[in-house]
Amino acid sequence: MEFVKHVKIRKEKFGVVIFDTYRGKVFVVNKHLLFVYMLIVYMLIIFVRMAVLR
């Protein structure tokens, strides 16, 4: 299953609306929470890459 096929993102003035069409869920994220979420995701990616490279 591809995650990207089932997710639609719509940018709004003060944040982002994320539609999960596979599960029928809607998520609303403001700019600040989106920044924190992206920061956590990037940190996890770096951590996993460092663990794999060892």
N, C-alpha and C. Protein backbone atom coordinates (compact mmCIF):
# COMPACT_ATOMS: atom_id res chain seq x y z
N MET A 1 0.84 -1.18 0.00
CA MET A 1 0.00 0.00 0.00
C MET A 1 0.88 1.24 0.00
N GLU A 2 0.61 2.16 -0.90
CA GLU A 2 1.34 3.41 -0.94
C GLU A 2 0.60 4.44 -0.11
N PHE A 3 1.33 5.10 0.76
CA PHE A 3 0.75 6.11 1.64
C PHE A 3 0.32 7.33 0.85
N VAL A 4 1.09 7.71 -0.15
CA VAL A 4 0.86 8.95 -0.87
C VAL A 4 -0.43 8.90 -1.68
N LYS A 5 -0.81 7.76 -2.19
CA LYS A 5 -2.03 7.64 -2.98
C LYS A 5 -3.28 8.00 -2.19
N HIS A 6 -3.27 7.72 -0.91
CA HIS A 6 -4.46 7.87 -0.09
C HIS A 6 -4.49 9.17 0.71
N VAL A 7 -3.51 10.05 0.50
CA VAL A 7 -3.43 11.27 1.28
C VAL A 7 -3.51 12.48 0.35
N LYS A 8 -4.40 13.38 0.68
CA LYS A 8 -4.54 14.64 -0.05
C LYS A 8 -4.27 15.77 0.93
N ILE A 9 -3.49 16.75 0.51
CA ILE A 9 -3.12 17.87 1.37
C ILE A 9 -3.62 19.16 0.75
N ARG A 10 -4.28 19.98 1.58
CA ARG A 10 -4.76 21.29 1.12
C ARG A 10 -4.20 22.36 2.04
N LYS A 11 -3.46 23.29 1.47
CA LYS A 11 -2.89 24.38 2.26
C LYS A 11 -3.94 25.47 2.46
N GLU A 12 -4.05 25.92 3.69
CA GLU A 12 -4.96 27.00 4.05
C GLU A 12 -4.15 28.20 4.52
N LYS A 13 -4.82 29.27 4.86
CA LYS A 13 -4.12 30.49 5.27
C LYS A 13 -3.30 30.29 6.54
N PHE A 14 -3.83 29.58 7.52
CA PHE A 14 -3.15 29.43 8.80
C PHE A 14 -2.70 28.01 9.09
N GLY A 15 -2.65 27.16 8.08
CA GLY A 15 -2.20 25.80 8.34
C GLY A 15 -2.47 24.88 7.16
N VAL A 16 -2.64 23.61 7.46
CA VAL A 16 -2.81 22.59 6.45
C VAL A 16 -3.93 21.64 6.86
N VAL A 17 -4.72 21.21 5.88
CA VAL A 17 -5.74 20.19 6.10
C VAL A 17 -5.27 18.94 5.37
N ILE A 18 -5.21 17.82 6.08
CA ILE A 18 -4.73 16.56 5.52
C ILE A 18 -5.91 15.58 5.48
N PHE A 19 -6.21 15.06 4.30
CA PHE A 19 -7.30 14.11 4.12
C PHE A 19 -6.71 12.72 3.92
N ASP A 20 -7.09 11.79 4.76
CA ASP A 20 -6.70 10.39 4.60
C ASP A 20 -7.90 9.68 3.98
N THR A 21 -7.88 9.53 2.64
CA THR A 21 -9.03 8.96 1.95
C THR A 21 -9.15 7.46 2.18
N TYR A 22 -8.08 6.81 2.57
CA TYR A 22 -8.11 5.36 2.82
C TYR A 22 -8.92 5.05 4.07
N ARG A 23 -8.70 5.83 5.13
CA ARG A 23 -9.40 5.59 6.39
C ARG A 23 -10.59 6.52 6.60
N GLY A 24 -10.71 7.54 5.74
CA GLY A 24 -11.80 8.49 5.87
C GLY A 24 -11.62 9.47 7.00
N LYS A 25 -10.38 9.86 7.28
CA LYS A 25 -10.11 10.78 8.38
C LYS A 25 -9.60 12.11 7.85
N VAL A 26 -9.81 13.16 8.63
CA VAL A 26 -9.35 14.50 8.29
C VAL A 26 -8.53 15.03 9.46
N PHE A 27 -7.37 15.59 9.16
CA PHE A 27 -6.50 16.17 10.18
C PHE A 27 -6.28 17.63 9.84
N VAL A 28 -6.36 18.50 10.85
CA VAL A 28 -6.11 19.92 10.66
C VAL A 28 -4.87 20.27 11.48
N VAL A 29 -3.90 20.88 10.81
CA VAL A 29 -2.63 21.20 11.46
C VAL A 29 -2.33 22.68 11.23
N ASN A 30 -2.08 23.42 12.30
CA ASN A 30 -1.70 24.81 12.10
C ASN A 30 -0.20 24.89 11.80
N LYS A 31 0.27 26.07 11.44
CA LYS A 31 1.67 26.23 11.00
C LYS A 31 2.66 25.79 12.07
N HIS A 32 2.40 26.11 13.31
CA HIS A 32 3.35 25.79 14.38
C HIS A 32 3.45 24.28 14.61
N LEU A 33 2.31 23.60 14.63
CA LEU A 33 2.33 22.15 14.82
C LEU A 33 2.95 21.46 13.62
N LEU A 34 2.72 21.99 12.43
CA LEU A 34 3.31 21.41 11.23
C LEU A 34 4.83 21.52 11.28
N PHE A 35 5.34 22.65 11.75
CA PHE A 35 6.79 22.84 11.87
C PHE A 35 7.37 21.84 12.87
N VAL A 36 6.73 21.66 14.01
CA VAL A 36 7.20 20.72 15.02
C VAL A 36 7.15 19.30 14.48
N TYR A 37 6.07 18.95 13.80
CA TYR A 37 5.94 17.61 13.22
C TYR A 37 7.05 17.34 12.20
N MET A 38 7.30 18.29 11.30
CA MET A 38 8.34 18.11 10.29
C MET A 38 9.72 18.00 10.94
N LEU A 39 9.97 18.77 11.98
CA LEU A 39 11.24 18.71 12.70
C LEU A 39 11.44 17.32 13.31
N ILE A 40 10.40 16.76 13.91
CA ILE A 40 10.48 15.43 14.50
C ILE A 40 10.73 14.38 13.42
N VAL A 41 10.04 14.50 12.29
CA VAL A 41 10.21 13.55 11.20
C VAL A 41 11.64 13.59 10.69
N TYR A 42 12.19 14.78 10.46
CA TYR A 42 13.57 14.90 9.99
C TYR A 42 14.56 14.33 10.99
N MET A 43 14.32 14.55 12.28
CA MET A 43 15.21 14.01 13.30
C MET A 43 15.17 12.49 13.30
N LEU A 44 13.97 11.91 13.13
CA LEU A 44 13.86 10.45 13.08
C LEU A 44 14.55 9.89 11.85
N ILE A 45 14.44 10.56 10.72
CA ILE A 45 15.12 10.11 9.50
C ILE A 45 16.62 10.11 9.70
N ILE A 46 17.14 11.17 10.29
CA ILE A 46 18.58 11.26 10.54
C ILE A 46 19.02 10.17 11.51
N PHE A 47 18.24 9.94 12.57
CA PHE A 47 18.56 8.92 13.55
C PHE A 47 18.60 7.53 12.91
N VAL A 48 17.63 7.23 12.07
CA VAL A 48 17.57 5.91 11.42
C VAL A 48 18.74 5.75 10.47
N ARG A 49 19.06 6.77 9.71
CA ARG A 49 20.19 6.69 8.79
C ARG A 49 21.49 6.48 9.54
N MET A 50 21.66 7.15 10.67
CA MET A 50 22.89 6.99 11.45
C MET A 50 22.97 5.57 12.01
N ALA A 51 21.83 5.02 12.44
CA ALA A 51 21.81 3.66 12.99
C ALA A 51 22.12 2.63 11.90
N VAL A 52 21.64 2.86 10.70
CA VAL A 52 21.87 1.92 9.60
C VAL A 52 23.32 1.97 9.14
N LEU A 53 23.92 3.13 9.15
CA LEU A 53 25.28 3.30 8.66
C LEU A 53 26.32 2.71 9.61
N ARG A 54 25.96 2.43 10.83
CA ARG A 54 26.93 1.90 11.79
C ARG A 54 27.33 0.53 11.47
